[in-house]
């Protein structure tokens, strides 16, 4: 480990949570749990946020799939018209 750099310092954890899309309230709650040393509660909070992110990702993937389908159908129709006698 490099001198002076602690990945679990309050500032690094807060930055990581911000980068992960956590709200200010969740970050404050997590840092409070960190101070108390309640690992189980910290993990529960992180897992809950992870589930939310995964749900958002799956919803976005479904929207992308819908666009891909429409793009495919439009291309298919265009190709059919272009190759028609």
PDB file of N, CA and C in Angstrom:
ATOM      1  N   UNK A   1       0.849  -1.188   0.000  1.00  0.00           N
ATOM      2  CA  UNK A   1       0.000   0.000   0.000  1.00  0.00           C
ATOM      3  C   UNK A   1       0.878   1.230   0.000  1.00  0.00           C
ATOM      4  N   UNK A   2       0.492   2.238  -0.783  1.00  0.00           N
ATOM      5  CA  UNK A   2       1.242   3.471  -0.865  1.00  0.00           C
ATOM      6  C   UNK A   2       1.058   4.265   0.420  1.00  0.00           C
ATOM      7  N   UNK A   3       2.085   4.999   0.770  1.00  0.00           N
ATOM      8  CA  UNK A   3       2.014   5.846   1.956  1.00  0.00           C
ATOM      9  C   UNK A   3       0.957   6.926   1.774  1.00  0.00           C
ATOM     10  N   UNK A   4       0.141   7.100   2.784  1.00  0.00           N
ATOM     11  CA  UNK A   4      -0.831   8.177   2.781  1.00  0.00           C
ATOM     12  C   UNK A   4      -2.099   7.913   1.974  1.00  0.00           C
ATOM     13  N   UNK A   5      -2.193   6.778   1.322  1.00  0.00           N
ATOM     14  CA  UNK A   5      -3.388   6.506   0.531  1.00  0.00           C
ATOM     15  C   UNK A   5      -4.136   5.344   1.144  1.00  0.00           C
ATOM     16  N   UNK A   6      -5.337   5.603   1.605  1.00  0.00           N
ATOM     17  CA  UNK A   6      -6.174   4.568   2.206  1.00  0.00           C
ATOM     18  C   UNK A   6      -7.492   4.516   1.427  1.00  0.00           C
ATOM     19  N   UNK A   7      -7.733   3.426   0.702  1.00  0.00           N
ATOM     20  CA  UNK A   7      -8.963   3.343  -0.094  1.00  0.00           C
ATOM     21  C   UNK A   7     -10.235   3.360   0.748  1.00  0.00           C
ATOM     22  N   UNK A   8     -10.094   3.140   2.046  1.00  0.00           N
ATOM     23  CA  UNK A   8     -11.265   3.159   2.916  1.00  0.00           C
ATOM     24  C   UNK A   8     -11.301   4.391   3.810  1.00  0.00           C
ATOM     25  N   UNK A   9     -10.534   5.415   3.433  1.00  0.00           N
ATOM     26  CA  UNK A   9     -10.627   6.674   4.174  1.00  0.00           C
ATOM     27  C   UNK A   9     -11.993   7.283   3.883  1.00  0.00           C
ATOM     28  N   UNK A  10     -12.438   8.132   4.770  1.00  0.00           N
ATOM     29  CA  UNK A  10     -13.749   8.759   4.610  1.00  0.00           C
ATOM     30  C   UNK A  10     -13.865   9.475   3.267  1.00  0.00           C
ATOM     31  N   UNK A  11     -12.825  10.215   2.885  1.00  0.00           N
ATOM     32  CA  UNK A  11     -12.908  10.970   1.633  1.00  0.00           C
ATOM     33  C   UNK A  11     -12.949  10.048   0.419  1.00  0.00           C
ATOM     34  N   UNK A  12     -12.161   8.971   0.429  1.00  0.00           N
ATOM     35  CA  UNK A  12     -12.174   8.040  -0.695  1.00  0.00           C
ATOM     36  C   UNK A  12     -13.501   7.280  -0.779  1.00  0.00           C
ATOM     37  N   UNK A  13     -14.020   6.873   0.341  1.00  0.00           N
ATOM     38  CA  UNK A  13     -15.304   6.159   0.352  1.00  0.00           C
ATOM     39  C   UNK A  13     -16.409   7.089  -0.135  1.00  0.00           C
ATOM     40  N   UNK A  14     -16.413   8.336   0.338  1.00  0.00           N
ATOM     41  CA  UNK A  14     -17.444   9.293  -0.080  1.00  0.00           C
ATOM     42  C   UNK A  14     -17.366   9.533  -1.586  1.00  0.00           C
ATOM     43  N   UNK A  15     -16.163   9.658  -2.120  1.00  0.00           N
ATOM     44  CA  UNK A  15     -15.990   9.871  -3.564  1.00  0.00           C
ATOM     45  C   UNK A  15     -16.464   8.645  -4.346  1.00  0.00           C
ATOM     46  N   UNK A  16     -16.139   7.456  -3.842  1.00  0.00           N
ATOM     47  CA  UNK A  16     -16.564   6.225  -4.500  1.00  0.00           C
ATOM     48  C   UNK A  16     -18.083   6.115  -4.523  1.00  0.00           C
ATOM     49  N   UNK A  17     -18.716   6.430  -3.409  1.00  0.00           N
ATOM     50  CA  UNK A  17     -20.174   6.365  -3.337  1.00  0.00           C
ATOM     51  C   UNK A  17     -20.803   7.384  -4.286  1.00  0.00           C
ATOM     52  N   UNK A  18     -20.217   8.584  -4.362  1.00  0.00           N
ATOM     53  CA  UNK A  18     -20.709   9.599  -5.294  1.00  0.00           C
ATOM     54  C   UNK A  18     -20.581   9.090  -6.726  1.00  0.00           C
ATOM     55  N   UNK A  19     -19.417   8.517  -7.060  1.00  0.00           N
ATOM     56  CA  UNK A  19     -19.192   7.973  -8.398  1.00  0.00           C
ATOM     57  C   UNK A  19     -20.161   6.837  -8.718  1.00  0.00           C
ATOM     58  N   UNK A  20     -20.609   6.132  -7.687  1.00  0.00           N
ATOM     59  CA  UNK A  20     -21.544   5.016  -7.863  1.00  0.00           C
ATOM     60  C   UNK A  20     -22.991   5.494  -7.929  1.00  0.00           C
ATOM     61  N   UNK A  21     -23.193   6.813  -7.891  1.00  0.00           N
ATOM     62  CA  UNK A  21     -24.539   7.359  -8.025  1.00  0.00           C
ATOM     63  C   UNK A  21     -25.335   7.399  -6.735  1.00  0.00           C
ATOM     64  N   UNK A  22     -24.651   7.272  -5.612  1.00  0.00           N
ATOM     65  CA  UNK A  22     -25.349   7.326  -4.325  1.00  0.00           C
ATOM     66  C   UNK A  22     -25.722   8.765  -3.994  1.00  0.00           C
ATOM     67  N   UNK A  23     -26.856   8.928  -3.370  1.00  0.00           N
ATOM     68  CA  UNK A  23     -27.306  10.255  -2.961  1.00  0.00           C
ATOM     69  C   UNK A  23     -26.457  10.741  -1.787  1.00  0.00           C
ATOM     70  N   UNK A  24     -26.546  12.030  -1.526  1.00  0.00           N
ATOM     71  CA  UNK A  24     -25.839  12.612  -0.378  1.00  0.00           C
ATOM     72  C   UNK A  24     -26.337  11.989   0.921  1.00  0.00           C
ATOM     73  N   UNK A  25     -27.651  11.732   0.990  1.00  0.00           N
ATOM     74  CA  UNK A  25     -28.220  11.113   2.195  1.00  0.00           C
ATOM     75  C   UNK A  25     -27.678   9.705   2.404  1.00  0.00           C
ATOM     76  N   UNK A  26     -27.617   8.935   1.329  1.00  0.00           N
ATOM     77  CA  UNK A  26     -27.105   7.571   1.454  1.00  0.00           C
ATOM     78  C   UNK A  26     -25.631   7.591   1.844  1.00  0.00           C
ATOM     79  N   UNK A  27     -24.875   8.516   1.251  1.00  0.00           N
ATOM     80  CA  UNK A  27     -23.458   8.623   1.576  1.00  0.00           C
ATOM     81  C   UNK A  27     -23.279   8.954   3.051  1.00  0.00           C
ATOM     82  N   UNK A  28     -24.057   9.901   3.544  1.00  0.00           N
ATOM     83  CA  UNK A  28     -23.972  10.272   4.963  1.00  0.00           C
ATOM     84  C   UNK A  28     -24.345   9.084   5.846  1.00  0.00           C
ATOM     85  N   UNK A  29     -25.381   8.363   5.454  1.00  0.00           N
ATOM     86  CA  UNK A  29     -25.806   7.189   6.224  1.00  0.00           C
ATOM     87  C   UNK A  29     -24.701   6.140   6.238  1.00  0.00           C
ATOM     88  N   UNK A  30     -24.092   5.902   5.079  1.00  0.00           N
ATOM     89  CA  UNK A  30     -23.036   4.904   4.997  1.00  0.00           C
ATOM     90  C   UNK A  30     -21.837   5.309   5.846  1.00  0.00           C
ATOM     91  N   UNK A  31     -21.431   6.567   5.763  1.00  0.00           N
ATOM     92  CA  UNK A  31     -20.276   7.025   6.542  1.00  0.00           C
ATOM     93  C   UNK A  31     -20.555   6.929   8.044  1.00  0.00           C
ATOM     94  N   UNK A  32     -21.789   7.172   8.418  1.00  0.00           N
ATOM     95  CA  UNK A  32     -22.177   7.021   9.825  1.00  0.00           C
ATOM     96  C   UNK A  32     -22.053   5.553  10.247  1.00  0.00           C
ATOM     97  N   UNK A  33     -22.502   4.649   9.381  1.00  0.00           N
ATOM     98  CA  UNK A  33     -22.376   3.219   9.678  1.00  0.00           C
ATOM     99  C   UNK A  33     -20.904   2.811   9.732  1.00  0.00           C
ATOM    100  N   UNK A  34     -20.089   3.422   8.895  1.00  0.00           N
ATOM    101  CA  UNK A  34     -18.651   3.134   8.902  1.00  0.00           C
ATOM    102  C   UNK A  34     -18.023   3.517  10.235  1.00  0.00           C
ATOM    103  N   UNK A  35     -18.431   4.676  10.738  1.00  0.00           N
ATOM    104  CA  UNK A  35     -17.905   5.143  12.025  1.00  0.00           C
ATOM    105  C   UNK A  35     -18.286   4.187  13.152  1.00  0.00           C
ATOM    106  N   UNK A  36     -19.492   3.642  13.060  1.00  0.00           N
ATOM    107  CA  UNK A  36     -19.968   2.719  14.086  1.00  0.00           C
ATOM    108  C   UNK A  36     -19.358   1.332  13.933  1.00  0.00           C
ATOM    109  N   UNK A  37     -18.820   1.059  12.755  1.00  0.00           N
ATOM    110  CA  UNK A  37     -18.208  -0.246  12.527  1.00  0.00           C
ATOM    111  C   UNK A  37     -19.207  -1.359  12.295  1.00  0.00           C
ATOM    112  N   UNK A  38     -20.377  -1.013  11.787  1.00  0.00           N
ATOM    113  CA  UNK A  38     -21.417  -2.017  11.554  1.00  0.00           C
ATOM    114  C   UNK A  38     -21.328  -2.524  10.115  1.00  0.00           C
ATOM    115  N   UNK A  39     -20.425  -3.454   9.894  1.00  0.00           N
ATOM    116  CA  UNK A  39     -20.167  -3.981   8.558  1.00  0.00           C
ATOM    117  C   UNK A  39     -21.410  -4.566   7.921  1.00  0.00           C
ATOM    118  N   UNK A  40     -22.180  -5.318   8.679  1.00  0.00           N
ATOM    119  CA  UNK A  40     -23.381  -5.954   8.121  1.00  0.00           C
ATOM    120  C   UNK A  40     -24.348  -4.911   7.575  1.00  0.00           C
ATOM    121  N   UNK A  41     -24.541  -3.828   8.302  1.00  0.00           N
ATOM    122  CA  UNK A  41     -25.432  -2.767   7.838  1.00  0.00           C
ATOM    123  C   UNK A  41     -24.848  -2.024   6.637  1.00  0.00           C
ATOM    124  N   UNK A  42     -23.530  -1.843   6.625  1.00  0.00           N
ATOM    125  CA  UNK A  42     -22.870  -1.210   5.481  1.00  0.00           C
ATOM    126  C   UNK A  42     -23.085  -2.050   4.226  1.00  0.00           C
ATOM    127  N   UNK A  43     -22.860  -3.335   4.352  1.00  0.00           N
ATOM    128  CA  UNK A  43     -23.009  -4.246   3.215  1.00  0.00           C
ATOM    129  C   UNK A  43     -24.461  -4.266   2.731  1.00  0.00           C
ATOM    130  N   UNK A  44     -25.405  -4.257   3.654  1.00  0.00           N
ATOM    131  CA  UNK A  44     -26.825  -4.263   3.296  1.00  0.00           C
ATOM    132  C   UNK A  44     -27.165  -3.013   2.479  1.00  0.00           C
ATOM    133  N   UNK A  45     -26.659  -1.868   2.903  1.00  0.00           N
ATOM    134  CA  UNK A  45     -26.922  -0.619   2.203  1.00  0.00           C
ATOM    135  C   UNK A  45     -26.305  -0.633   0.801  1.00  0.00           C
ATOM    136  N   UNK A  46     -25.067  -1.119   0.692  1.00  0.00           N
ATOM    137  CA  UNK A  46     -24.411  -1.197  -0.612  1.00  0.00           C
ATOM    138  C   UNK A  46     -25.125  -2.167  -1.540  1.00  0.00           C
ATOM    139  N   UNK A  47     -25.526  -3.307  -1.013  1.00  0.00           N
ATOM    140  CA  UNK A  47     -26.228  -4.294  -1.846  1.00  0.00           C
ATOM    141  C   UNK A  47     -27.572  -3.762  -2.330  1.00  0.00           C
ATOM    142  N   UNK A  48     -28.257  -3.020  -1.469  1.00  0.00           N
ATOM    143  CA  UNK A  48     -29.541  -2.438  -1.848  1.00  0.00           C
ATOM    144  C   UNK A  48     -29.343  -1.455  -3.006  1.00  0.00           C
ATOM    145  N   UNK A  49     -28.313  -0.628  -2.906  1.00  0.00           N
ATOM    146  CA  UNK A  49     -28.057   0.324  -3.989  1.00  0.00           C
ATOM    147  C   UNK A  49     -27.636  -0.408  -5.261  1.00  0.00           C
ATOM    148  N   UNK A  50     -26.867  -1.469  -5.104  1.00  0.00           N
ATOM    149  CA  UNK A  50     -26.438  -2.250  -6.266  1.00  0.00           C
ATOM    150  C   UNK A  50     -27.644  -2.843  -6.999  1.00  0.00           C
ATOM    151  N   UNK A  51     -28.608  -3.340  -6.244  1.00  0.00           N
ATOM    152  CA  UNK A  51     -29.831  -3.892  -6.847  1.00  0.00           C
ATOM    153  C   UNK A  51     -30.561  -2.801  -7.629  1.00  0.00           C
ATOM    154  N   UNK A  52     -30.643  -1.611  -7.062  1.00  0.00           N
ATOM    155  CA  UNK A  52     -31.281  -0.492  -7.751  1.00  0.00           C
ATOM    156  C   UNK A  52     -30.561  -0.182  -9.060  1.00  0.00           C
ATOM    157  N   UNK A  53     -29.232  -0.139  -9.014  1.00  0.00           N
ATOM    158  CA  UNK A  53     -28.454   0.129 -10.225  1.00  0.00           C
ATOM    159  C   UNK A  53     -28.663  -0.964 -11.275  1.00  0.00           C
ATOM    160  N   UNK A  54     -28.691  -2.209 -10.836  1.00  0.00           N
ATOM    161  CA  UNK A  54     -28.902  -3.321 -11.767  1.00  0.00           C
ATOM    162  C   UNK A  54     -30.292  -3.242 -12.391  1.00  0.00           C
ATOM    163  N   UNK A  55     -31.303  -2.907 -11.590  1.00  0.00           N
ATOM    164  CA  UNK A  55     -32.662  -2.750 -12.122  1.00  0.00           C
ATOM    165  C   UNK A  55     -32.692  -1.643 -13.176  1.00  0.00           C
ATOM    166  N   UNK A  56     -32.010  -0.525 -12.887  1.00  0.00           N
ATOM    167  CA  UNK A  56     -31.941   0.578 -13.846  1.00  0.00           C
ATOM    168  C   UNK A  56     -31.237   0.137 -15.128  1.00  0.00           C
ATOM    169  N   UNK A  57     -30.167  -0.625 -14.969  1.00  0.00           N
ATOM    170  CA  UNK A  57     -29.421  -1.101 -16.130  1.00  0.00           C
ATOM    171  C   UNK A  57     -30.280  -2.033 -16.989  1.00  0.00           C
ATOM    172  N   UNK A  58     -31.022  -2.925 -16.349  1.00  0.00           N
ATOM    173  CA  UNK A  58     -31.882  -3.840 -17.097  1.00  0.00           C
ATOM    174  C   UNK A  58     -32.995  -3.084 -17.824  1.00  0.00           C
ATOM    175  N   UNK A  59     -33.541  -2.068 -17.180  1.00  0.00           N
ATOM    176  CA  UNK A  59     -34.576  -1.258 -17.827  1.00  0.00           C
ATOM    177  C   UNK A  59     -33.997  -0.528 -19.036  1.00  0.00           C
ATOM    178  N   UNK A  60     -32.789   0.001 -18.888  1.00  0.00           N
ATOM    179  CA  UNK A  60     -32.136   0.678 -20.014  1.00  0.00           C
ATOM    180  C   UNK A  60     -31.847  -0.316 -21.139  1.00  0.00           C
ATOM    181  N   UNK A  61     -31.434  -1.524 -20.785  1.00  0.00           N
ATOM    182  CA  UNK A  61     -31.160  -2.545 -21.805  1.00  0.00           C
ATOM    183  C   UNK A  61     -32.429  -2.896 -22.569  1.00  0.00           C
ATOM    184  N   UNK A  62     -33.547  -2.944 -21.873  1.00  0.00           N
ATOM    185  CA  UNK A  62     -34.820  -3.234 -22.543  1.00  0.00           C
ATOM    186  C   UNK A  62     -35.157  -2.129 -23.539  1.00  0.00           C
ATOM    187  N   UNK A  63     -34.905  -0.869 -23.171  1.00  0.00           N
ATOM    188  CA  UNK A  63     -35.158   0.241 -24.084  1.00  0.00           C
ATOM    189  C   UNK A  63     -34.238   0.168 -25.296  1.00  0.00           C
ATOM    190  N   UNK A  64     -32.977  -0.189 -25.070  1.00  0.00           N
ATOM    191  CA  UNK A  64     -32.032  -0.358 -26.184  1.00  0.00           C
ATOM    192  C   UNK A  64     -32.500  -1.483 -27.101  1.00  0.00           C
ATOM    193  N   UNK A  65     -32.959  -2.581 -26.514  1.00  0.00           N
ATOM    194  CA  UNK A  65     -33.468  -3.702 -27.318  1.00  0.00           C
ATOM    195  C   UNK A  65     -34.651  -3.273 -28.183  1.00  0.00           C
ATOM    196  N   UNK A  66     -35.526  -2.440 -27.633  1.00  0.00           N
ATOM    197  CA  UNK A  66     -36.665  -1.949 -28.410  1.00  0.00           C
ATOM    198  C   UNK A  66     -36.195  -1.119 -29.601  1.00  0.00           C
ATOM    199  N   UNK A  67     -35.213  -0.258 -29.371  1.00  0.00           N
ATOM    200  CA  UNK A  67     -34.672   0.534 -30.477  1.00  0.00           C
ATOM    201  C   UNK A  67     -33.978  -0.347 -31.503  1.00  0.00           C
ATOM    202  N   UNK A  68     -33.222  -1.340 -31.039  1.00  0.00           N
ATOM    203  CA  UNK A  68     -32.557  -2.252 -31.958  1.00  0.00           C
ATOM    204  C   UNK A  68     -33.569  -2.988 -32.828  1.00  0.00           C
ATOM    205  N   UNK A  69     -34.678  -3.389 -32.228  1.00  0.00           N
ATOM    206  CA  UNK A  69     -35.734  -4.075 -32.978  1.00  0.00           C
ATOM    207  C   UNK A  69     -36.305  -3.154 -34.057  1.00  0.00           C
ATOM    208  N   UNK A  70     -36.581  -1.906 -33.681  1.00  0.00           N
ATOM    209  CA  UNK A  70     -37.124  -0.954 -34.639  1.00  0.00           C
ATOM    210  C   UNK A  70     -36.120  -0.684 -35.765  1.00  0.00           C
ATOM    211  N   UNK A  71     -34.861  -0.517 -35.425  1.00  0.00           N
ATOM    212  CA  UNK A  71     -33.812  -0.322 -36.429  1.00  0.00           C
ATOM    213  C   UNK A  71     -33.764  -1.516 -37.375  1.00  0.00           C
ATOM    214  N   UNK A  72     -33.839  -2.711 -36.819  1.00  0.00           N
ATOM    215  CA  UNK A  72     -33.831  -3.931 -37.629  1.00  0.00           C
ATOM    216  C   UNK A  72     -35.021  -3.966 -38.581  1.00  0.00           C
ATOM    217  N   UNK A  73     -36.209  -3.675 -38.066  1.00  0.00           N
ATOM    218  CA  UNK A  73     -37.414  -3.714 -38.891  1.00  0.00           C
ATOM    219  C   UNK A  73     -37.369  -2.665 -40.000  1.00  0.00           C
ATOM    220  N   UNK A  74     -36.898  -1.471 -39.678  1.00  0.00           N
ATOM    221  CA  UNK A  74     -36.780  -0.433 -40.697  1.00  0.00           C
ATOM    222  C   UNK A  74     -35.774  -0.833 -41.775  1.00  0.00           C
ATOM    223  N   UNK A  75     -34.654  -1.372 -41.372  1.00  0.00           N
ATOM    224  CA  UNK A  75     -33.637  -1.813 -42.335  1.00  0.00           C
ATOM    225  C   UNK A  75     -34.171  -2.929 -43.210  1.00  0.00           C
ATOM    226  N   UNK A  76     -34.890  -3.847 -42.578  1.00  0.00           N
ATOM    227  CA  UNK A  76     -35.469  -4.972 -43.321  1.00  0.00           C
ATOM    228  C   UNK A  76     -36.460  -4.473 -44.375  1.00  0.00           C
ATOM    229  N   UNK A  77     -37.316  -3.523 -43.993  1.00  0.00           N
ATOM    230  CA  UNK A  77     -38.288  -2.967 -44.928  1.00  0.00           C
ATOM    231  C   UNK A  77     -37.577  -2.202 -46.045  1.00  0.00           C
ATOM    232  N   UNK A  78     -36.590  -1.424 -45.682  1.00  0.00           N
ATOM    233  CA  UNK A  78     -35.848  -0.655 -46.686  1.00  0.00           C
ATOM    234  C   UNK A  78     -35.169  -1.593 -47.682  1.00  0.00           C
ATOM    235  N   UNK A  79     -34.578  -2.651 -47.192  1.00  0.00           N
ATOM    236  CA  UNK A  79     -33.904  -3.623 -48.071  1.00  0.00           C
ATOM    237  C   UNK A  79     -34.909  -4.296 -48.990  1.00  0.00           C
ATOM    238  N   UNK A  80     -36.084  -4.604 -48.469  1.00  0.00           N
ATOM    239  CA  UNK A  80     -37.129  -5.250 -49.273  1.00  0.00           C
ATOM    240  C   UNK A  80     -37.589  -4.326 -50.393  1.00  0.00           C
ATOM    241  N   UNK A  81     -37.775  -3.040 -50.070  1.00  0.00           N
ATOM    242  CA  UNK A  81     -38.201  -2.071 -51.071  1.00  0.00           C
ATOM    243  C   UNK A  81     -37.085  -1.869 -52.113  1.00  0.00           C
ATOM    244  N   UNK A  82     -35.857  -1.792 -51.654  1.00  0.00           N
ATOM    245  CA  UNK A  82     -34.722  -1.539 -52.531  1.00  0.00           C
ATOM    246  C   UNK A  82     -34.489  -2.678 -53.515  1.00  0.00           C
ATOM    247  N   UNK A  83     -34.782  -3.903 -53.099  1.00  0.00           N
ATOM    248  CA  UNK A  83     -34.533  -5.069 -53.966  1.00  0.00           C
ATOM    249  C   UNK A  83     -35.776  -5.532 -54.707  1.00  0.00           C
ATOM    250  N   UNK A  84     -36.895  -4.822 -54.529  1.00  0.00           N
ATOM    251  CA  UNK A  84     -38.129  -5.202 -55.219  1.00  0.00           C
ATOM    252  C   UNK A  84     -37.978  -4.935 -56.727  1.00  0.00           C
ATOM    253  N   UNK A  85     -38.557  -5.820 -57.549  1.00  0.00           N
ATOM    254  CA  UNK A  85     -38.461  -5.646 -59.005  1.00  0.00           C
ATOM    255  C   UNK A  85     -39.210  -4.447 -59.529  1.00  0.00           C
TER     256      UNK A  85
END
